[in-house]
């Protein structure tokens, strides 16, 4: 929820910074040196932005929760 409100606020107040931030996130997503956890978290941010910072569907949220839990416990 905090990520959604912060993302929405940043998108409104500093759109150029948000564009740069997402370009960096895309670059990190494609970098094989980044961990699976980092890529999963970045993908969630990208999806939230694609949904205009509104909550993701329950199944999508469950997917990220399970993925992050699995990646942090192994």
PDB file of N, CA and C in Angstrom:
ATOM      1  N   UNK A   1       0.829  -1.193   0.000  1.00  0.00           N
ATOM      2  CA  UNK A   1       0.000   0.000   0.000  1.00  0.00           C
ATOM      3  C   UNK A   1       0.876   1.260   0.000  1.00  0.00           C
ATOM      4  N   UNK A   2       1.946   1.242   0.774  1.00  0.00           N
ATOM      5  CA  UNK A   2       2.838   2.394   0.828  1.00  0.00           C
ATOM      6  C   UNK A   2       3.520   2.625  -0.516  1.00  0.00           C
ATOM      7  N   UNK A   3       3.907   1.550  -1.159  1.00  0.00           N
ATOM      8  CA  UNK A   3       4.539   1.653  -2.471  1.00  0.00           C
ATOM      9  C   UNK A   3       3.579   2.274  -3.475  1.00  0.00           C
ATOM     10  N   UNK A   4       2.313   1.887  -3.411  1.00  0.00           N
ATOM     11  CA  UNK A   4       1.322   2.431  -4.334  1.00  0.00           C
ATOM     12  C   UNK A   4       1.149   3.925  -4.123  1.00  0.00           C
ATOM     13  N   UNK A   5       1.023   4.367  -2.889  1.00  0.00           N
ATOM     14  CA  UNK A   5       0.804   5.794  -2.644  1.00  0.00           C
ATOM     15  C   UNK A   5       2.052   6.608  -2.970  1.00  0.00           C
ATOM     16  N   UNK A   6       3.225   6.064  -2.646  1.00  0.00           N
ATOM     17  CA  UNK A   6       4.470   6.767  -2.968  1.00  0.00           C
ATOM     18  C   UNK A   6       4.671   6.846  -4.477  1.00  0.00           C
ATOM     19  N   UNK A   7       4.415   5.744  -5.161  1.00  0.00           N
ATOM     20  CA  UNK A   7       4.545   5.730  -6.613  1.00  0.00           C
ATOM     21  C   UNK A   7       3.595   6.710  -7.273  1.00  0.00           C
ATOM     22  N   UNK A   8       2.368   6.723  -6.808  1.00  0.00           N
ATOM     23  CA  UNK A   8       1.369   7.637  -7.366  1.00  0.00           C
ATOM     24  C   UNK A   8       1.788   9.091  -7.138  1.00  0.00           C
ATOM     25  N   UNK A   9       2.244   9.395  -5.933  1.00  0.00           N
ATOM     26  CA  UNK A   9       2.673  10.754  -5.607  1.00  0.00           C
ATOM     27  C   UNK A   9       3.883  11.160  -6.452  1.00  0.00           C
ATOM     28  N   UNK A  10       4.850  10.279  -6.576  1.00  0.00           N
ATOM     29  CA  UNK A  10       6.035  10.569  -7.379  1.00  0.00           C
ATOM     30  C   UNK A  10       5.659  10.771  -8.844  1.00  0.00           C
ATOM     31  N   UNK A  11       4.753   9.951  -9.322  1.00  0.00           N
ATOM     32  CA  UNK A  11       4.285  10.070 -10.715  1.00  0.00           C
ATOM     33  C   UNK A  11       3.648  11.437 -10.955  1.00  0.00           C
ATOM     34  N   UNK A  12       2.876  11.917  -9.990  1.00  0.00           N
ATOM     35  CA  UNK A  12       2.210  13.219 -10.122  1.00  0.00           C
ATOM     36  C   UNK A  12       3.180  14.386  -9.958  1.00  0.00           C
ATOM     37  N   UNK A  13       4.021  14.314  -8.926  1.00  0.00           N
ATOM     38  CA  UNK A  13       4.864  15.447  -8.556  1.00  0.00           C
ATOM     39  C   UNK A  13       6.149  15.544  -9.381  1.00  0.00           C
ATOM     40  N   UNK A  14       6.749  14.405  -9.695  1.00  0.00           N
ATOM     41  CA  UNK A  14       8.039  14.387 -10.389  1.00  0.00           C
ATOM     42  C   UNK A  14       8.029  13.351 -11.515  1.00  0.00           C
ATOM     43  N   UNK A  15       7.241  13.597 -12.557  1.00  0.00           N
ATOM     44  CA  UNK A  15       7.112  12.592 -13.618  1.00  0.00           C
ATOM     45  C   UNK A  15       8.426  12.261 -14.323  1.00  0.00           C
ATOM     46  N   UNK A  16       9.326  13.246 -14.462  1.00  0.00           N
ATOM     47  CA  UNK A  16      10.606  12.971 -15.109  1.00  0.00           C
ATOM     48  C   UNK A  16      11.436  12.004 -14.275  1.00  0.00           C
ATOM     49  N   UNK A  17      11.409  12.195 -12.951  1.00  0.00           N
ATOM     50  CA  UNK A  17      12.146  11.309 -12.069  1.00  0.00           C
ATOM     51  C   UNK A  17      11.571   9.890 -12.126  1.00  0.00           C
ATOM     52  N   UNK A  18      10.254   9.782 -12.213  1.00  0.00           N
ATOM     53  CA  UNK A  18       9.623   8.466 -12.300  1.00  0.00           C
ATOM     54  C   UNK A  18      10.024   7.778 -13.598  1.00  0.00           C
ATOM     55  N   UNK A  19      10.085   8.517 -14.681  1.00  0.00           N
ATOM     56  CA  UNK A  19      10.507   7.945 -15.958  1.00  0.00           C
ATOM     57  C   UNK A  19      11.936   7.415 -15.861  1.00  0.00           C
ATOM     58  N   UNK A  20      12.819   8.182 -15.246  1.00  0.00           N
ATOM     59  CA  UNK A  20      14.207   7.751 -15.069  1.00  0.00           C
ATOM     60  C   UNK A  20      14.287   6.533 -14.150  1.00  0.00           C
ATOM     61  N   UNK A  21      13.517   6.549 -13.086  1.00  0.00           N
ATOM     62  CA  UNK A  21      13.500   5.437 -12.136  1.00  0.00           C
ATOM     63  C   UNK A  21      13.054   4.141 -12.813  1.00  0.00           C
ATOM     64  N   UNK A  22      12.019   4.218 -13.612  1.00  0.00           N
ATOM     65  CA  UNK A  22      11.532   3.024 -14.297  1.00  0.00           C
ATOM     66  C   UNK A  22      12.485   2.552 -15.386  1.00  0.00           C
ATOM     67  N   UNK A  23      13.190   3.469 -16.020  1.00  0.00           N
ATOM     68  CA  UNK A  23      14.207   3.062 -16.995  1.00  0.00           C
ATOM     69  C   UNK A  23      15.319   2.287 -16.286  1.00  0.00           C
ATOM     70  N   UNK A  24      15.702   2.745 -15.110  1.00  0.00           N
ATOM     71  CA  UNK A  24      16.707   2.041 -14.318  1.00  0.00           C
ATOM     72  C   UNK A  24      16.185   0.679 -13.887  1.00  0.00           C
ATOM     73  N   UNK A  25      14.919   0.624 -13.483  1.00  0.00           N
ATOM     74  CA  UNK A  25      14.316  -0.656 -13.075  1.00  0.00           C
ATOM     75  C   UNK A  25      14.320  -1.638 -14.241  1.00  0.00           C
ATOM     76  N   UNK A  26      13.985  -1.180 -15.440  1.00  0.00           N
ATOM     77  CA  UNK A  26      14.016  -2.064 -16.611  1.00  0.00           C
ATOM     78  C   UNK A  26      15.421  -2.587 -16.865  1.00  0.00           C
ATOM     79  N   UNK A  27      16.409  -1.705 -16.759  1.00  0.00           N
ATOM     80  CA  UNK A  27      17.800  -2.137 -16.955  1.00  0.00           C
ATOM     81  C   UNK A  27      18.190  -3.201 -15.938  1.00  0.00           C
ATOM     82  N   UNK A  28      17.812  -3.002 -14.684  1.00  0.00           N
ATOM     83  CA  UNK A  28      18.133  -3.967 -13.625  1.00  0.00           C
ATOM     84  C   UNK A  28      17.418  -5.293 -13.867  1.00  0.00           C
ATOM     85  N   UNK A  29      16.190  -5.227 -14.379  1.00  0.00           N
ATOM     86  CA  UNK A  29      15.424  -6.449 -14.652  1.00  0.00           C
ATOM     87  C   UNK A  29      16.150  -7.339 -15.654  1.00  0.00           C
ATOM     88  N   UNK A  30      16.845  -6.719 -16.588  1.00  0.00           N
ATOM     89  CA  UNK A  30      17.513  -7.460 -17.652  1.00  0.00           C
ATOM     90  C   UNK A  30      18.953  -7.832 -17.320  1.00  0.00           C
ATOM     91  N   UNK A  31      19.426  -7.398 -16.179  1.00  0.00           N
ATOM     92  CA  UNK A  31      20.810  -7.657 -15.793  1.00  0.00           C
ATOM     93  C   UNK A  31      20.909  -9.030 -15.115  1.00  0.00           C
ATOM     94  N   UNK A  32      21.643  -9.959 -15.715  1.00  0.00           N
ATOM     95  CA  UNK A  32      21.735 -11.302 -15.135  1.00  0.00           C
ATOM     96  C   UNK A  32      22.424 -11.327 -13.771  1.00  0.00           C
ATOM     97  N   UNK A  33      23.166 -10.268 -13.441  1.00  0.00           N
ATOM     98  CA  UNK A  33      23.848 -10.238 -12.144  1.00  0.00           C
ATOM     99  C   UNK A  33      22.890  -9.933 -10.989  1.00  0.00           C
ATOM    100  N   UNK A  34      21.715  -9.418 -11.296  1.00  0.00           N
ATOM    101  CA  UNK A  34      20.743  -9.112 -10.240  1.00  0.00           C
ATOM    102  C   UNK A  34      20.109 -10.399  -9.732  1.00  0.00           C
ATOM    103  N   UNK A  35      19.802 -10.417  -8.454  1.00  0.00           N
ATOM    104  CA  UNK A  35      19.192 -11.606  -7.856  1.00  0.00           C
ATOM    105  C   UNK A  35      17.752 -11.761  -8.322  1.00  0.00           C
ATOM    106  N   UNK A  36      17.248 -12.961  -8.180  1.00  0.00           N
ATOM    107  CA  UNK A  36      15.845 -13.215  -8.517  1.00  0.00           C
ATOM    108  C   UNK A  36      14.931 -12.383  -7.635  1.00  0.00           C
ATOM    109  N   UNK A  37      15.297 -12.205  -6.376  1.00  0.00           N
ATOM    110  CA  UNK A  37      14.480 -11.398  -5.465  1.00  0.00           C
ATOM    111  C   UNK A  37      14.405  -9.956  -5.956  1.00  0.00           C
ATOM    112  N   UNK A  38      15.535  -9.391  -6.325  1.00  0.00           N
ATOM    113  CA  UNK A  38      15.546  -8.015  -6.832  1.00  0.00           C
ATOM    114  C   UNK A  38      14.681  -7.898  -8.076  1.00  0.00           C
ATOM    115  N   UNK A  39      14.830  -8.838  -8.995  1.00  0.00           N
ATOM    116  CA  UNK A  39      14.034  -8.782 -10.233  1.00  0.00           C
ATOM    117  C   UNK A  39      12.546  -8.944  -9.955  1.00  0.00           C
ATOM    118  N   UNK A  40      12.201  -9.781  -8.998  1.00  0.00           N
ATOM    119  CA  UNK A  40      10.794  -9.964  -8.643  1.00  0.00           C
ATOM    120  C   UNK A  40      10.208  -8.681  -8.052  1.00  0.00           C
ATOM    121  N   UNK A  41      10.945  -8.040  -7.160  1.00  0.00           N
ATOM    122  CA  UNK A  41      10.468  -6.793  -6.560  1.00  0.00           C
ATOM    123  C   UNK A  41      10.326  -5.689  -7.604  1.00  0.00           C
ATOM    124  N   UNK A  42      11.289  -5.610  -8.511  1.00  0.00           N
ATOM    125  CA  UNK A  42      11.208  -4.607  -9.574  1.00  0.00           C
ATOM    126  C   UNK A  42      10.032  -4.876 -10.508  1.00  0.00           C
ATOM    127  N   UNK A  43       9.784  -6.137 -10.799  1.00  0.00           N
ATOM    128  CA  UNK A  43       8.646  -6.477 -11.662  1.00  0.00           C
ATOM    129  C   UNK A  43       7.336  -6.056 -11.019  1.00  0.00           C
ATOM    130  N   UNK A  44       7.231  -6.233  -9.713  1.00  0.00           N
ATOM    131  CA  UNK A  44       6.018  -5.812  -9.015  1.00  0.00           C
ATOM    132  C   UNK A  44       5.830  -4.299  -9.130  1.00  0.00           C
ATOM    133  N   UNK A  45       6.902  -3.537  -9.004  1.00  0.00           N
ATOM    134  CA  UNK A  45       6.822  -2.080  -9.147  1.00  0.00           C
ATOM    135  C   UNK A  45       6.375  -1.711 -10.559  1.00  0.00           C
ATOM    136  N   UNK A  46       6.944  -2.370 -11.549  1.00  0.00           N
ATOM    137  CA  UNK A  46       6.564  -2.092 -12.940  1.00  0.00           C
ATOM    138  C   UNK A  46       5.089  -2.410 -13.168  1.00  0.00           C
ATOM    139  N   UNK A  47       4.620  -3.517 -12.617  1.00  0.00           N
ATOM    140  CA  UNK A  47       3.195  -3.863 -12.763  1.00  0.00           C
ATOM    141  C   UNK A  47       2.298  -2.856 -12.054  1.00  0.00           C
ATOM    142  N   UNK A  48       2.714  -2.410 -10.874  1.00  0.00           N
ATOM    143  CA  UNK A  48       1.915  -1.406 -10.168  1.00  0.00           C
ATOM    144  C   UNK A  48       1.798  -0.128 -10.990  1.00  0.00           C
ATOM    145  N   UNK A  49       2.889   0.273 -11.589  1.00  0.00           N
ATOM    146  CA  UNK A  49       2.822   1.476 -12.424  1.00  0.00           C
ATOM    147  C   UNK A  49       1.913   1.255 -13.627  1.00  0.00           C
ATOM    148  N   UNK A  50       2.001   0.085 -14.230  1.00  0.00           N
ATOM    149  CA  UNK A  50       1.145  -0.223 -15.378  1.00  0.00           C
ATOM    150  C   UNK A  50      -0.335  -0.183 -14.993  1.00  0.00           C
ATOM    151  N   UNK A  51      -0.614  -0.452 -13.720  1.00  0.00           N
ATOM    152  CA  UNK A  51      -1.992  -0.401 -13.217  1.00  0.00           C
ATOM    153  C   UNK A  51      -2.311   0.953 -12.601  1.00  0.00           C
ATOM    154  N   UNK A  52      -1.488   1.963 -12.921  1.00  0.00           N
ATOM    155  CA  UNK A  52      -1.691   3.339 -12.451  1.00  0.00           C
ATOM    156  C   UNK A  52      -1.725   3.422 -10.930  1.00  0.00           C
ATOM    157  N   UNK A  53      -0.877   2.602 -10.282  1.00  0.00           N
ATOM    158  CA  UNK A  53      -0.688   2.601  -8.831  1.00  0.00           C
ATOM    159  C   UNK A  53      -1.937   2.189  -8.060  1.00  0.00           C
ATOM    160  N   UNK A  54      -2.838   1.504  -8.724  1.00  0.00           N
ATOM    161  CA  UNK A  54      -3.987   0.933  -8.019  1.00  0.00           C
ATOM    162  C   UNK A  54      -3.617  -0.491  -7.609  1.00  0.00           C
ATOM    163  N   UNK A  55      -4.295  -1.024  -6.616  1.00  0.00           N
ATOM    164  CA  UNK A  55      -3.945  -2.387  -6.163  1.00  0.00           C
ATOM    165  C   UNK A  55      -4.031  -3.404  -7.298  1.00  0.00           C
ATOM    166  N   UNK A  56      -3.092  -4.327  -7.284  1.00  0.00           N
ATOM    167  CA  UNK A  56      -3.096  -5.407  -8.263  1.00  0.00           C
ATOM    168  C   UNK A  56      -4.186  -6.409  -7.900  1.00  0.00           C
ATOM    169  N   UNK A  57      -4.558  -7.236  -8.863  1.00  0.00           N
ATOM    170  CA  UNK A  57      -5.551  -8.272  -8.596  1.00  0.00           C
ATOM    171  C   UNK A  57      -5.025  -9.202  -7.505  1.00  0.00           C
ATOM    172  N   UNK A  58      -5.935  -9.812  -6.796  1.00  0.00           N
ATOM    173  CA  UNK A  58      -5.567 -10.684  -5.674  1.00  0.00           C
ATOM    174  C   UNK A  58      -4.614 -11.796  -6.100  1.00  0.00           C
ATOM    175  N   UNK A  59      -4.877 -12.420  -7.243  1.00  0.00           N
ATOM    176  CA  UNK A  59      -4.005 -13.502  -7.700  1.00  0.00           C
ATOM    177  C   UNK A  59      -2.589 -13.012  -8.002  1.00  0.00           C
ATOM    178  N   UNK A  60      -2.475 -11.812  -8.538  1.00  0.00           N
ATOM    179  CA  UNK A  60      -1.161 -11.249  -8.828  1.00  0.00           C
ATOM    180  C   UNK A  60      -0.417 -10.943  -7.532  1.00  0.00           C
ATOM    181  N   UNK A  61      -1.112 -10.358  -6.583  1.00  0.00           N
ATOM    182  CA  UNK A  61      -0.514 -10.063  -5.290  1.00  0.00           C
ATOM    183  C   UNK A  61      -0.079 -11.341  -4.594  1.00  0.00           C
ATOM    184  N   UNK A  62      -0.908 -12.364  -4.644  1.00  0.00           N
ATOM    185  CA  UNK A  62      -0.552 -13.655  -4.042  1.00  0.00           C
ATOM    186  C   UNK A  62       0.688 -14.236  -4.716  1.00  0.00           C
ATOM    187  N   UNK A  63       0.771 -14.100  -6.024  1.00  0.00           N
ATOM    188  CA  UNK A  63       1.938 -14.596  -6.757  1.00  0.00           C
ATOM    189  C   UNK A  63       3.210 -13.940  -6.226  1.00  0.00           C
ATOM    190  N   UNK A  64       3.202 -12.619  -6.135  1.00  0.00           N
ATOM    191  CA  UNK A  64       4.397 -11.920  -5.654  1.00  0.00           C
ATOM    192  C   UNK A  64       4.705 -12.276  -4.208  1.00  0.00           C
ATOM    193  N   UNK A  65       3.688 -12.371  -3.376  1.00  0.00           N
ATOM    194  CA  UNK A  65       3.917 -12.745  -1.976  1.00  0.00           C
ATOM    195  C   UNK A  65       4.559 -14.120  -1.871  1.00  0.00           C
ATOM    196  N   UNK A  66       4.044 -15.089  -2.625  1.00  0.00           N
ATOM    197  CA  UNK A  66       4.614 -16.446  -2.611  1.00  0.00           C
ATOM    198  C   UNK A  66       6.037 -16.451  -3.156  1.00  0.00           C
ATOM    199  N   UNK A  67       6.248 -15.745  -4.250  1.00  0.00           N
ATOM    200  CA  UNK A  67       7.570 -15.705  -4.872  1.00  0.00           C
ATOM    201  C   UNK A  67       8.588 -15.085  -3.923  1.00  0.00           C
ATOM    202  N   UNK A  68       8.246 -13.966  -3.324  1.00  0.00           N
ATOM    203  CA  UNK A  68       9.168 -13.293  -2.415  1.00  0.00           C
ATOM    204  C   UNK A  68       9.428 -14.159  -1.190  1.00  0.00           C
ATOM    205  N   UNK A  69       8.391 -14.792  -0.677  1.00  0.00           N
ATOM    206  CA  UNK A  69       8.579 -15.679   0.475  1.00  0.00           C
ATOM    207  C   UNK A  69       9.515 -16.822   0.114  1.00  0.00           C
ATOM    208  N   UNK A  70       9.298 -17.422  -1.046  1.00  0.00           N
ATOM    209  CA  UNK A  70      10.137 -18.550  -1.485  1.00  0.00           C
ATOM    210  C   UNK A  70      11.595 -18.098  -1.664  1.00  0.00           C
ATOM    211  N   UNK A  71      11.791 -16.938  -2.231  1.00  0.00           N
ATOM    212  CA  UNK A  71      13.138 -16.450  -2.501  1.00  0.00           C
ATOM    213  C   UNK A  71      13.872 -16.011  -1.231  1.00  0.00           C
ATOM    214  N   UNK A  72      13.143 -15.652  -0.212  1.00  0.00           N
ATOM    215  CA  UNK A  72      13.779 -15.200   1.020  1.00  0.00           C
ATOM    216  C   UNK A  72      13.968 -16.311   2.037  1.00  0.00           C
ATOM    217  N   UNK A  73      13.348 -17.469   1.796  1.00  0.00           N
ATOM    218  CA  UNK A  73      13.485 -18.562   2.754  1.00  0.00           C
ATOM    219  C   UNK A  73      14.383 -19.683   2.246  1.00  0.00           C
ATOM    220  N   UNK A  74      14.852 -19.590   1.020  1.00  0.00           N
ATOM    221  CA  UNK A  74      15.718 -20.655   0.487  1.00  0.00           C
ATOM    222  C   UNK A  74      17.163 -20.253   0.493  1.00  0.00           C
TER     223      UNK A  74
END
